[in-house]
Amino acid sequence: MQTASPGAAANRARTTAADIARIVVEGLEAGEFSPGQRMVEADLCLRFGVGRQIVREALQHLHAIGVVALEPNRGAHIIHVTRDQAVMTLELTELLFGLVSRTAARRIAAGADARRLVDAIDALRASAQSPDPADYMRARRHLFAALSHIADNAELSRIMEQVRVHVMRAQFGFAAFRSGHAGELAEIGEAVLAGNSADGEEMSRAYVRRIREFLQQI
């Protein structure tokens, strides 16, 4: 019987389902994966050096956040959304982003720890000058995680995680605007950091609204 190499064993020990899900999302937004693509368990096992159970847990997580569809007897594939579905999703995202920004700003004004938000704003500013799109994607996720953490609303965070924005960014090319979006998101973060709930909410909603209007025109 063939035994695994020490390197493969170490890789299995440190690669978790959450790691795989994150890498797939990053790969989707970077163009490495595409909407509609099949996610073959055996291929993912080979790629990540893990067993099927870890891959299945990763696919279940991706299904939970609206990135992957799981169909009986057909396996998993990255979802494909229509433009109408994307527009409706962005209508919901506008409300959610506005709410989380408003809530976070109010909590900061009341004395909540804002260090995570400061770090996220710095990362966004830096990513606008970086040639690597992954830097922007990480900085954007850092911002949303910081806002959700400060808002301290677990249900709101759960809903925001399920609105399929990862797929829409890949499918409709939103990542191409990362430099301008990085600056906009940093400005939203700064409004929240200042404890300005009204401006934070309106700027957040306007940001998503412009994306939706762009989508409706293409």
C-alpha atoms as a PDB file:
ATOM      1  CA  MET A   1       0.000   0.000   0.000  1.00  0.00           C
ATOM      2  CA  GLN A   2       1.332   3.422  -0.970  1.00  0.00           C
ATOM      3  CA  THR A   3       1.998   5.763   1.938  1.00  0.00           C
ATOM      4  CA  ALA A   4       1.590   9.531   1.848  1.00  0.00           C
ATOM      5  CA  SER A   5       4.697  11.652   1.855  1.00  0.00           C
ATOM      6  CA  PRO A   6       5.465  13.708   4.993  1.00  0.00           C
ATOM      7  CA  GLY A   7       4.753  16.883   2.983  1.00  0.00           C
ATOM      8  CA  ALA A   8       1.323  15.646   1.910  1.00  0.00           C
ATOM      9  CA  ALA A   9       0.491  14.602   5.463  1.00  0.00           C
ATOM     10  CA  ALA A  10       1.502  18.031   6.773  1.00  0.00           C
ATOM     11  CA  ASN A  11      -0.614  19.719   4.119  1.00  0.00           C
ATOM     12  CA  ARG A  12      -3.667  17.668   5.129  1.00  0.00           C
ATOM     13  CA  ALA A  13      -3.081  18.605   8.751  1.00  0.00           C
ATOM     14  CA  ARG A  14      -3.104  22.317   8.084  1.00  0.00           C
ATOM     15  CA  THR A  15      -5.630  22.682   5.244  1.00  0.00           C
ATOM     16  CA  THR A  16      -9.155  23.018   6.609  1.00  0.00           C
ATOM     17  CA  ALA A  17     -12.544  23.197   4.929  1.00  0.00           C
ATOM     18  CA  ALA A  18     -12.637  26.915   5.737  1.00  0.00           C
ATOM     19  CA  ASP A  19      -9.261  27.366   4.013  1.00  0.00           C
ATOM     20  CA  ILE A  20     -10.524  25.644   0.880  1.00  0.00           C
ATOM     21  CA  ALA A  21     -13.745  27.689   0.813  1.00  0.00           C
ATOM     22  CA  ARG A  22     -11.766  30.924   1.160  1.00  0.00           C
ATOM     23  CA  ILE A  23      -9.346  29.936  -1.614  1.00  0.00           C
ATOM     24  CA  VAL A  24     -12.238  29.075  -3.945  1.00  0.00           C
ATOM     25  CA  VAL A  25     -13.896  32.448  -3.309  1.00  0.00           C
ATOM     26  CA  GLU A  26     -10.603  34.249  -3.923  1.00  0.00           C
ATOM     27  CA  GLY A  27     -10.039  32.178  -7.074  1.00  0.00           C
ATOM     28  CA  LEU A  28     -13.542  32.956  -8.298  1.00  0.00           C
ATOM     29  CA  GLU A  29     -13.044  36.684  -7.931  1.00  0.00           C
ATOM     30  CA  ALA A  30      -9.599  36.450  -9.559  1.00  0.00           C
ATOM     31  CA  GLY A  31     -10.959  34.530 -12.561  1.00  0.00           C
ATOM     32  CA  GLU A  32      -9.421  31.171 -11.691  1.00  0.00           C
ATOM     33  CA  PHE A  33     -12.896  29.673 -11.259  1.00  0.00           C
ATOM     34  CA  SER A  34     -15.957  30.731 -13.239  1.00  0.00           C
ATOM     35  CA  PRO A  35     -19.743  30.747 -12.739  1.00  0.00           C
ATOM     36  CA  GLY A  36     -21.228  27.450 -13.895  1.00  0.00           C
ATOM     37  CA  GLN A  37     -17.968  25.518 -13.435  1.00  0.00           C
ATOM     38  CA  ARG A  38     -18.268  22.025 -11.961  1.00  0.00           C
ATOM     39  CA  MET A  39     -16.466  21.465  -8.664  1.00  0.00           C
ATOM     40  CA  VAL A  40     -15.295  17.867  -8.886  1.00  0.00           C
ATOM     41  CA  GLU A  41     -14.513  16.407  -5.461  1.00  0.00           C
ATOM     42  CA  ALA A  42     -11.650  14.234  -6.718  1.00  0.00           C
ATOM     43  CA  ASP A  43      -9.983  17.211  -8.410  1.00  0.00           C
ATOM     44  CA  LEU A  44     -10.296  19.333  -5.286  1.00  0.00           C
ATOM     45  CA  CYS A  45      -8.871  16.529  -3.148  1.00  0.00           C
ATOM     46  CA  LEU A  46      -5.813  16.358  -5.389  1.00  0.00           C
ATOM     47  CA  ARG A  47      -5.396  20.115  -5.542  1.00  0.00           C
ATOM     48  CA  PHE A  48      -5.537  20.665  -1.794  1.00  0.00           C
ATOM     49  CA  GLY A  49      -4.080  17.355  -0.630  1.00  0.00           C
ATOM     50  CA  VAL A  50      -7.043  16.546   1.588  1.00  0.00           C
ATOM     51  CA  GLY A  51      -9.660  13.827   1.900  1.00  0.00           C
ATOM     52  CA  ARG A  52     -13.187  13.892   0.548  1.00  0.00           C
ATOM     53  CA  GLN A  53     -14.715  14.760   3.925  1.00  0.00           C
ATOM     54  CA  ILE A  54     -12.811  18.055   4.107  1.00  0.00           C
ATOM     55  CA  VAL A  55     -13.755  18.893   0.504  1.00  0.00           C
ATOM     56  CA  ARG A  56     -17.409  18.097   1.176  1.00  0.00           C
ATOM     57  CA  GLU A  57     -17.392  20.356   4.241  1.00  0.00           C
ATOM     58  CA  ALA A  58     -15.880  23.134   2.117  1.00  0.00           C
ATOM     59  CA  LEU A  59     -18.541  22.672  -0.560  1.00  0.00           C
ATOM     60  CA  GLN A  60     -21.271  22.752   2.082  1.00  0.00           C
ATOM     61  CA  HIS A  61     -19.896  26.060   3.359  1.00  0.00           C
ATOM     62  CA  LEU A  62     -19.731  27.465  -0.174  1.00  0.00           C
ATOM     63  CA  HIS A  63     -23.310  26.314  -0.682  1.00  0.00           C
ATOM     64  CA  ALA A  64     -24.370  28.063   2.538  1.00  0.00           C
ATOM     65  CA  ILE A  65     -22.958  31.407   1.354  1.00  0.00           C
ATOM     66  CA  GLY A  66     -24.516  31.145  -2.098  1.00  0.00           C
ATOM     67  CA  VAL A  67     -21.402  30.378  -4.125  1.00  0.00           C
ATOM     68  CA  VAL A  68     -21.942  26.697  -4.971  1.00  0.00           C
ATOM     69  CA  ALA A  69     -25.043  24.707  -5.880  1.00  0.00           C
ATOM     70  CA  LEU A  70     -25.252  21.078  -4.740  1.00  0.00           C
ATOM     71  CA  GLU A  71     -27.457  18.861  -6.895  1.00  0.00           C
ATOM     72  CA  PRO A  72     -28.251  15.182  -6.224  1.00  0.00           C
ATOM     73  CA  ASN A  73     -26.500  12.847  -8.673  1.00  0.00           C
ATOM     74  CA  ARG A  74     -24.864  15.803 -10.424  1.00  0.00           C
ATOM     75  CA  GLY A  75     -22.448  17.066  -7.803  1.00  0.00           C
ATOM     76  CA  ALA A  76     -21.455  20.652  -7.171  1.00  0.00           C
ATOM     77  CA  HIS A  77     -21.000  23.634  -9.450  1.00  0.00           C
ATOM     78  CA  ILE A  78     -20.470  27.341  -8.992  1.00  0.00           C
ATOM     79  CA  ILE A  79     -23.789  29.082  -9.417  1.00  0.00           C
ATOM     80  CA  HIS A  80     -24.627  31.279 -12.364  1.00  0.00           C
ATOM     81  CA  VAL A  81     -26.915  34.262 -11.765  1.00  0.00           C
ATOM     82  CA  THR A  82     -28.994  36.143 -14.305  1.00  0.00           C
ATOM     83  CA  ARG A  83     -28.774  39.903 -14.534  1.00  0.00           C
ATOM     84  CA  ASP A  84     -32.266  40.223 -13.035  1.00  0.00           C
ATOM     85  CA  GLN A  85     -31.228  38.036 -10.104  1.00  0.00           C
ATOM     86  CA  ALA A  86     -28.101  40.137  -9.628  1.00  0.00           C
ATOM     87  CA  VAL A  87     -30.101  43.379  -9.639  1.00  0.00           C
ATOM     88  CA  MET A  88     -32.487  42.023  -6.999  1.00  0.00           C
ATOM     89  CA  THR A  89     -29.561  40.815  -4.915  1.00  0.00           C
ATOM     90  CA  LEU A  90     -27.950  44.246  -5.082  1.00  0.00           C
ATOM     91  CA  GLU A  91     -31.201  45.872  -3.966  1.00  0.00           C
ATOM     92  CA  LEU A  92     -30.973  43.758  -0.817  1.00  0.00           C
ATOM     93  CA  THR A  93     -27.234  44.370  -0.471  1.00  0.00           C
ATOM     94  CA  GLU A  94     -27.813  48.127  -0.552  1.00  0.00           C
ATOM     95  CA  LEU A  95     -30.094  47.909   2.464  1.00  0.00           C
ATOM     96  CA  LEU A  96     -27.816  45.536   4.362  1.00  0.00           C
ATOM     97  CA  PHE A  97     -24.609  47.480   3.743  1.00  0.00           C
ATOM     98  CA  GLY A  98     -26.323  50.692   4.775  1.00  0.00           C
ATOM     99  CA  LEU A  99     -27.629  49.079   7.946  1.00  0.00           C
ATOM    100  CA  VAL A 100     -24.315  47.543   9.007  1.00  0.00           C
ATOM    101  CA  SER A 101     -22.476  50.835   8.390  1.00  0.00           C
ATOM    102  CA  ARG A 102     -25.051  52.838  10.325  1.00  0.00           C
ATOM    103  CA  THR A 103     -24.987  50.414  13.242  1.00  0.00           C
ATOM    104  CA  ALA A 104     -21.188  50.271  13.347  1.00  0.00           C
ATOM    105  CA  ALA A 105     -20.951  54.079  13.300  1.00  0.00           C
ATOM    106  CA  ARG A 106     -23.377  54.368  16.197  1.00  0.00           C
ATOM    107  CA  ARG A 107     -21.433  51.836  18.230  1.00  0.00           C
ATOM    108  CA  ILE A 108     -18.143  53.612  17.521  1.00  0.00           C
ATOM    109  CA  ALA A 109     -19.719  56.903  18.619  1.00  0.00           C
ATOM    110  CA  ALA A 110     -20.693  55.119  21.825  1.00  0.00           C
ATOM    111  CA  GLY A 111     -17.119  53.954  22.413  1.00  0.00           C
ATOM    112  CA  ALA A 112     -16.764  50.613  20.594  1.00  0.00           C
ATOM    113  CA  ASP A 113     -13.240  49.494  19.684  1.00  0.00           C
ATOM    114  CA  ALA A 114     -12.533  50.605  16.100  1.00  0.00           C
ATOM    115  CA  ARG A 115      -8.998  49.246  15.630  1.00  0.00           C
ATOM    116  CA  ARG A 116     -10.093  46.594  13.120  1.00  0.00           C
ATOM    117  CA  LEU A 117     -11.750  49.265  11.020  1.00  0.00           C
ATOM    118  CA  VAL A 118      -8.636  51.460  11.087  1.00  0.00           C
ATOM    119  CA  ASP A 119      -6.581  48.519   9.821  1.00  0.00           C
ATOM    120  CA  ALA A 120      -9.137  47.792   7.084  1.00  0.00           C
ATOM    121  CA  ILE A 121      -9.094  51.387   5.849  1.00  0.00           C
ATOM    122  CA  ASP A 122      -5.291  51.351   5.689  1.00  0.00           C
ATOM    123  CA  ALA A 123      -5.403  48.071   3.748  1.00  0.00           C
ATOM    124  CA  LEU A 124      -7.896  49.494   1.259  1.00  0.00           C
ATOM    125  CA  ARG A 125      -5.772  52.598   0.669  1.00  0.00           C
ATOM    126  CA  ALA A 126      -2.723  50.414   0.079  1.00  0.00           C
ATOM    127  CA  SER A 127      -4.609  48.019  -2.220  1.00  0.00           C
ATOM    128  CA  ALA A 128      -5.575  50.874  -4.545  1.00  0.00           C
ATOM    129  CA  GLN A 129      -1.876  51.176  -5.455  1.00  0.00           C
ATOM    130  CA  SER A 130      -1.185  47.453  -5.651  1.00  0.00           C
ATOM    131  CA  PRO A 131      -0.984  45.612  -9.004  1.00  0.00           C
ATOM    132  CA  ASP A 132      -2.247  42.440  -7.330  1.00  0.00           C
ATOM    133  CA  PRO A 133      -6.089  42.248  -7.326  1.00  0.00           C
ATOM    134  CA  ALA A 134      -5.932  39.798  -4.417  1.00  0.00           C
ATOM    135  CA  ASP A 135      -4.765  42.649  -2.165  1.00  0.00           C
ATOM    136  CA  TYR A 136      -7.977  44.554  -2.885  1.00  0.00           C
ATOM    137  CA  MET A 137     -10.153  41.488  -2.383  1.00  0.00           C
ATOM    138  CA  ARG A 138      -8.563  40.806   1.004  1.00  0.00           C
ATOM    139  CA  ALA A 139      -8.861  44.454   2.029  1.00  0.00           C
ATOM    140  CA  ARG A 140     -12.525  44.593   1.027  1.00  0.00           C
ATOM    141  CA  ARG A 141     -13.306  41.462   3.019  1.00  0.00           C
ATOM    142  CA  HIS A 142     -11.369  42.957   5.943  1.00  0.00           C
ATOM    143  CA  LEU A 143     -13.591  46.056   5.806  1.00  0.00           C
ATOM    144  CA  PHE A 144     -16.852  44.103   5.779  1.00  0.00           C
ATOM    145  CA  ALA A 145     -15.636  41.823   8.558  1.00  0.00           C
ATOM    146  CA  ALA A 146     -14.614  44.845  10.639  1.00  0.00           C
ATOM    147  CA  LEU A 147     -17.966  46.584  10.122  1.00  0.00           C
ATOM    148  CA  SER A 148     -19.882  43.407  10.973  1.00  0.00           C
ATOM    149  CA  HIS A 149     -17.745  42.846  14.067  1.00  0.00           C
ATOM    150  CA  ILE A 150     -18.263  46.392  15.318  1.00  0.00           C
ATOM    151  CA  ALA A 151     -22.007  46.335  14.516  1.00  0.00           C
ATOM    152  CA  ASP A 152     -22.194  43.207  16.714  1.00  0.00           C
ATOM    153  CA  ASN A 153     -25.299  41.821  15.014  1.00  0.00           C
ATOM    154  CA  ALA A 154     -24.816  38.125  14.301  1.00  0.00           C
ATOM    155  CA  GLU A 155     -28.028  37.794  12.294  1.00  0.00           C
ATOM    156  CA  LEU A 156     -27.122  40.713  10.047  1.00  0.00           C
ATOM    157  CA  SER A 157     -23.675  39.227   9.459  1.00  0.00           C
ATOM    158  CA  ARG A 158     -25.222  35.863   8.593  1.00  0.00           C
ATOM    159  CA  ILE A 159     -27.574  37.389   6.027  1.00  0.00           C
ATOM    160  CA  MET A 160     -24.850  39.509   4.445  1.00  0.00           C
ATOM    161  CA  GLU A 161     -22.736  36.393   3.934  1.00  0.00           C
ATOM    162  CA  GLN A 162     -25.473  34.801   1.817  1.00  0.00           C
ATOM    163  CA  VAL A 163     -26.126  37.422  -0.876  1.00  0.00           C
ATOM    164  CA  ARG A 164     -23.937  35.881  -3.618  1.00  0.00           C
ATOM    165  CA  VAL A 165     -21.783  38.958  -4.193  1.00  0.00           C
ATOM    166  CA  HIS A 166     -18.714  36.775  -4.838  1.00  0.00           C
ATOM    167  CA  VAL A 167     -20.319  35.206  -7.888  1.00  0.00           C
ATOM    168  CA  MET A 168     -21.641  38.519  -9.199  1.00  0.00           C
ATOM    169  CA  ARG A 169     -18.229  40.146  -8.987  1.00  0.00           C
ATOM    170  CA  ALA A 170     -16.761  37.346 -11.075  1.00  0.00           C
ATOM    171  CA  GLN A 171     -19.626  37.068 -13.543  1.00  0.00           C
ATOM    172  CA  PHE A 172     -20.134  40.760 -14.282  1.00  0.00           C
ATOM    173  CA  GLY A 173     -16.573  42.030 -14.020  1.00  0.00           C
ATOM    174  CA  PHE A 174     -16.923  44.254 -10.963  1.00  0.00           C
ATOM    175  CA  ALA A 175     -13.344  43.466  -9.952  1.00  0.00           C
ATOM    176  CA  ALA A 176     -12.111  45.565 -12.887  1.00  0.00           C
ATOM    177  CA  PHE A 177     -13.059  48.679 -10.923  1.00  0.00           C
ATOM    178  CA  ARG A 178     -11.089  47.728  -7.832  1.00  0.00           C
ATOM    179  CA  SER A 179      -8.905  50.856  -7.733  1.00  0.00           C
ATOM    180  CA  GLY A 180     -11.856  53.255  -7.621  1.00  0.00           C
ATOM    181  CA  HIS A 181     -13.868  50.962  -5.375  1.00  0.00           C
ATOM    182  CA  ALA A 182     -10.988  50.715  -2.896  1.00  0.00           C
ATOM    183  CA  GLY A 183     -11.028  54.480  -2.480  1.00  0.00           C
ATOM    184  CA  GLU A 184     -14.810  54.607  -2.121  1.00  0.00           C
ATOM    185  CA  LEU A 185     -14.855  51.877   0.474  1.00  0.00           C
ATOM    186  CA  ALA A 186     -12.057  53.564   2.418  1.00  0.00           C
ATOM    187  CA  GLU A 187     -14.117  56.774   2.489  1.00  0.00           C
ATOM    188  CA  ILE A 188     -17.123  54.841   3.753  1.00  0.00           C
ATOM    189  CA  GLY A 189     -14.930  53.329   6.455  1.00  0.00           C
ATOM    190  CA  GLU A 190     -13.710  56.770   7.471  1.00  0.00           C
ATOM    191  CA  ALA A 191     -17.280  58.085   7.781  1.00  0.00           C
ATOM    192  CA  VAL A 192     -18.139  55.137  10.024  1.00  0.00           C
ATOM    193  CA  LEU A 193     -14.914  55.629  11.979  1.00  0.00           C
ATOM    194  CA  ALA A 194     -15.954  59.222  12.651  1.00  0.00           C
ATOM    195  CA  GLY A 195     -19.198  57.911  14.171  1.00  0.00           C
ATOM    196  CA  ASN A 196     -21.292  59.557  11.450  1.00  0.00           C
ATOM    197  CA  SER A 197     -24.136  57.073  11.090  1.00  0.00           C
ATOM    198  CA  ALA A 198     -26.170  59.071   8.568  1.00  0.00           C
ATOM    199  CA  ASP A 199     -23.262  59.640   6.175  1.00  0.00           C
ATOM    200  CA  GLY A 200     -21.984  56.096   6.640  1.00  0.00           C
ATOM    201  CA  GLU A 201     -25.354  54.636   5.724  1.00  0.00           C
ATOM    202  CA  GLU A 202     -25.953  56.914   2.738  1.00  0.00           C
ATOM    203  CA  MET A 203     -22.446  56.464   1.333  1.00  0.00           C
ATOM    204  CA  SER A 204     -22.738  52.689   1.684  1.00  0.00           C
ATOM    205  CA  ARG A 205     -26.095  52.592  -0.053  1.00  0.00           C
ATOM    206  CA  ALA A 206     -24.917  54.927  -2.814  1.00  0.00           C
ATOM    207  CA  TYR A 207     -21.893  52.710  -3.453  1.00  0.00           C
ATOM    208  CA  VAL A 208     -24.057  49.636  -4.031  1.00  0.00           C
ATOM    209  CA  ARG A 209     -26.639  51.652  -5.956  1.00  0.00           C
ATOM    210  CA  ARG A 210     -24.006  52.758  -8.483  1.00  0.00           C
ATOM    211  CA  ILE A 211     -22.965  49.147  -9.015  1.00  0.00           C
ATOM    212  CA  ARG A 212     -26.584  48.161  -9.578  1.00  0.00           C
ATOM    213  CA  GLU A 213     -27.125  50.993 -12.072  1.00  0.00           C
ATOM    214  CA  PHE A 214     -23.982  49.953 -13.948  1.00  0.00           C
ATOM    215  CA  LEU A 215     -25.262  46.394 -14.119  1.00  0.00           C
ATOM    216  CA  GLN A 216     -28.618  47.516 -15.478  1.00  0.00           C
ATOM    217  CA  GLN A 217     -26.876  49.377 -18.313  1.00  0.00           C
ATOM    218  CA  ILE A 218     -24.598  46.615 -19.609  1.00  0.00           C
END
